[in-house]
Structures are given as C-alpha cells and as structure tokens.
Amino acid sequence: MGFSAIYSHVEYLLPIFLHKISGSFMVLVVFTVNATLMISYQLFWKRYAHNLNFYVLFSFQALFCLLMAMAINDTLSLTIKYILVLIGIIAFTIAEVGMVNRIDYLITKINANSLGTSFGWLSLFSAGSVAIANYINSVIVEQFGFQIMGI
C-alpha cells in the first residue's frame, strides 16, 4: 500500500531532515504538534473521516511535500523554515489520519463474510510496503551519509 510506504519514509527521514535544517528543537516541536493533532483528531473529528474525499487528502499530502521542499532553501530565514515545516506537518497529519480512517471505513463496506480477510490483506500489504520503504530509507541514509541525531 503506497500510503504506508510514504508514511514510513516521512516518519523515518523527517527527523533527519529537520535536524539538518534547524537542529533537534524543531524535531521535538514537529512531533509534539503531530501527536497533539492526531489525538485531537481521534477524539473529536474521527466520525467525519469517512466523508473526506481522497483527492482532498492527497492535496494535503502534496502540500506537505511542497512545503518541505521549500524549507530546504538556504536563503530562507529559520523562522520562515519553521512556519513552512509546521504548516506542512499539519497538512501531513490531516492526510495521515484522514486516509487511514477513510480506508478502514471503506473496508467495512465490503461483504461482512469477508471483512476479516479484507483487513488481513490490508495489513499484509501495509507491512510489506513499510518493510520496502524502510530498506529504501536505510539506503538513502547510507548514500547521503546522514548522521542520525548525533550518533
């Protein structure tokens, strides 16, 4: 499942990227914002997730990618980079929880006799794509010689 692979790339490489452009403080801020938004989404907005359009969710994902690409511009001030990254992580979080909940909702609309099988296939493909993405992530890290969080 492509979304799981993209998610794995972001979760693995985003801390390295953020540490490179602004230091470890931004890593802390971004993951705190992400966790806070995810918790509030699950508590208050989850019941509306099945109404979200996939095109809207993909637009949020594209906005995240665009803002992250803009944040690596060396001519921007650190404040502008922070703003771009924070808006980007908000867009990513909306897409993240929206897509997962939307996919789960759509699977429940399948024949009740094959519901367990459907969720099983979803889990199998998700796990496979995450495994492939993590391998690619390790190749990227080795290729560019990133130092992960001072280790």
Foldseek 3Di string as FASTA:
>chain_A
DVVLLVVLLCVLCVCLLCCVLPRNVLVVVLVVLLVVVLVCCVVPPLVCLLVDDLVQLVVLQVLLVVLSVVLVDPVDDPVSSSVSNNSSSVSNSCSVSSVVSNVLVVLVVPPPVCSVVSVVVVVVVSVVSSVVSVVVSVVVCVVVVGDRPPD
